[in-house]
Amino acid sequence: MVIKNTLILLVVSLCSVIISGCSGKNVPDEFMVLKNRPLSMPPDFHLTPDGPYSDLDEIIEPQEIAKKALFGEN
């Protein structure tokens, strides 16, 4: 009987401590989220340093990348 009363007292006190921790006034509000502006492309995004087609010479196919990753640089 004493163990049962002690257990009940322990559970009630533990629950009261847990519940009192949730009642703070500085709780963040999940609905007060700041909205960011959508991302936009810069106006000169399509420009490259040496012209529009200079960077196409160095295109590596995905199959070549996979072969280099599996078998090493050869």
C-alpha atoms as a PDB file:
ATOM      1  CA  MET A   1       0.000   0.000   0.000  1.00  0.00           C
ATOM      2  CA  VAL A   2       2.849   2.391   0.830  1.00  0.00           C
ATOM      3  CA  ILE A   3       4.602   1.575  -2.456  1.00  0.00           C
ATOM      4  CA  LYS A   4       1.395   2.205  -4.399  1.00  0.00           C
ATOM      5  CA  ASN A   5       0.880   5.608  -2.730  1.00  0.00           C
ATOM      6  CA  THR A   6       4.517   6.532  -3.332  1.00  0.00           C
ATOM      7  CA  LEU A   7       4.240   5.527  -6.977  1.00  0.00           C
ATOM      8  CA  ILE A   8       1.054   7.583  -7.435  1.00  0.00           C
ATOM      9  CA  LEU A   9       2.688  10.589  -5.747  1.00  0.00           C
ATOM     10  CA  LEU A  10       5.760  10.230  -7.960  1.00  0.00           C
ATOM     11  CA  VAL A  11       3.689  10.015 -11.155  1.00  0.00           C
ATOM     12  CA  VAL A  12       1.532  13.017 -10.202  1.00  0.00           C
ATOM     13  CA  SER A  13       4.562  15.139  -9.302  1.00  0.00           C
ATOM     14  CA  LEU A  14       6.374  14.141 -12.498  1.00  0.00           C
ATOM     15  CA  CYS A  15       3.319  15.012 -14.599  1.00  0.00           C
ATOM     16  CA  SER A  16       2.946  18.375 -12.869  1.00  0.00           C
ATOM     17  CA  VAL A  17       6.604  19.217 -13.560  1.00  0.00           C
ATOM     18  CA  ILE A  18       6.245  18.256 -17.220  1.00  0.00           C
ATOM     19  CA  ILE A  19       3.016  20.225 -17.651  1.00  0.00           C
ATOM     20  CA  SER A  20       4.380  23.312 -15.899  1.00  0.00           C
ATOM     21  CA  GLY A  21       7.324  23.355 -18.321  1.00  0.00           C
ATOM     22  CA  CYS A  22       4.924  23.742 -21.244  1.00  0.00           C
ATOM     23  CA  SER A  23       3.128  26.801 -19.895  1.00  0.00           C
ATOM     24  CA  GLY A  24       5.833  29.420 -20.449  1.00  0.00           C
ATOM     25  CA  LYS A  25       4.940  32.783 -21.962  1.00  0.00           C
ATOM     26  CA  ASN A  26       7.946  32.813 -24.342  1.00  0.00           C
ATOM     27  CA  VAL A  27       6.681  29.906 -26.399  1.00  0.00           C
ATOM     28  CA  PRO A  28       7.363  30.367 -30.138  1.00  0.00           C
ATOM     29  CA  ASP A  29       4.304  30.657 -32.327  1.00  0.00           C
ATOM     30  CA  GLU A  30       4.491  28.397 -35.362  1.00  0.00           C
ATOM     31  CA  PHE A  31       2.021  30.583 -37.245  1.00  0.00           C
ATOM     32  CA  MET A  32       4.196  33.701 -37.011  1.00  0.00           C
ATOM     33  CA  VAL A  33       6.544  32.680 -39.826  1.00  0.00           C
ATOM     34  CA  LEU A  34       8.269  35.285 -41.945  1.00  0.00           C
ATOM     35  CA  LYS A  35       7.591  35.005 -45.643  1.00  0.00           C
ATOM     36  CA  ASN A  36      10.634  35.384 -47.887  1.00  0.00           C
ATOM     37  CA  ARG A  37      10.467  36.785 -51.363  1.00  0.00           C
ATOM     38  CA  PRO A  38      10.689  34.173 -54.117  1.00  0.00           C
ATOM     39  CA  LEU A  39      14.095  33.667 -55.666  1.00  0.00           C
ATOM     40  CA  SER A  40      14.665  35.283 -59.029  1.00  0.00           C
ATOM     41  CA  MET A  41      17.211  34.788 -61.776  1.00  0.00           C
ATOM     42  CA  PRO A  42      19.843  37.491 -62.173  1.00  0.00           C
ATOM     43  CA  PRO A  43      19.407  39.501 -65.389  1.00  0.00           C
ATOM     44  CA  ASP A  44      22.798  38.414 -66.793  1.00  0.00           C
ATOM     45  CA  PHE A  45      22.495  34.710 -65.949  1.00  0.00           C
ATOM     46  CA  HIS A  46      22.686  33.564 -69.566  1.00  0.00           C
ATOM     47  CA  LEU A  47      25.994  35.379 -70.174  1.00  0.00           C
ATOM     48  CA  THR A  48      29.279  33.484 -69.993  1.00  0.00           C
ATOM     49  CA  PRO A  49      32.794  34.981 -69.895  1.00  0.00           C
ATOM     50  CA  ASP A  50      33.837  33.979 -73.447  1.00  0.00           C
ATOM     51  CA  GLY A  51      30.530  33.891 -75.259  1.00  0.00           C
ATOM     52  CA  PRO A  52      27.399  31.756 -75.157  1.00  0.00           C
ATOM     53  CA  TYR A  53      28.971  28.462 -76.379  1.00  0.00           C
ATOM     54  CA  SER A  54      32.478  28.472 -74.857  1.00  0.00           C
ATOM     55  CA  ASP A  55      31.563  26.347 -71.835  1.00  0.00           C
ATOM     56  CA  LEU A  56      29.997  23.581 -73.975  1.00  0.00           C
ATOM     57  CA  ASP A  57      33.445  22.234 -74.959  1.00  0.00           C
ATOM     58  CA  GLU A  58      34.067  20.785 -71.499  1.00  0.00           C
ATOM     59  CA  ILE A  59      30.821  18.849 -71.020  1.00  0.00           C
ATOM     60  CA  ILE A  60      31.422  15.442 -69.453  1.00  0.00           C
ATOM     61  CA  GLU A  61      28.792  12.760 -69.947  1.00  0.00           C
ATOM     62  CA  PRO A  62      27.316  11.126 -66.809  1.00  0.00           C
ATOM     63  CA  GLN A  63      28.511   7.719 -68.028  1.00  0.00           C
ATOM     64  CA  GLU A  64      32.098   8.998 -68.136  1.00  0.00           C
ATOM     65  CA  ILE A  65      31.782  10.389 -64.611  1.00  0.00           C
ATOM     66  CA  ALA A  66      30.495   7.024 -63.376  1.00  0.00           C
ATOM     67  CA  LYS A  67      33.328   5.137 -65.096  1.00  0.00           C
ATOM     68  CA  LYS A  68      35.910   7.482 -63.543  1.00  0.00           C
ATOM     69  CA  ALA A  69      34.318   7.029 -60.117  1.00  0.00           C
ATOM     70  CA  LEU A  70      34.270   3.226 -60.373  1.00  0.00           C
ATOM     71  CA  PHE A  71      37.507   2.479 -62.169  1.00  0.00           C
ATOM     72  CA  GLY A  72      39.648   5.524 -61.388  1.00  0.00           C
ATOM     73  CA  GLU A  73      41.216   8.180 -63.572  1.00  0.00           C
ATOM     74  CA  ASN A  74      42.547   6.585 -66.815  1.00  0.00           C
END
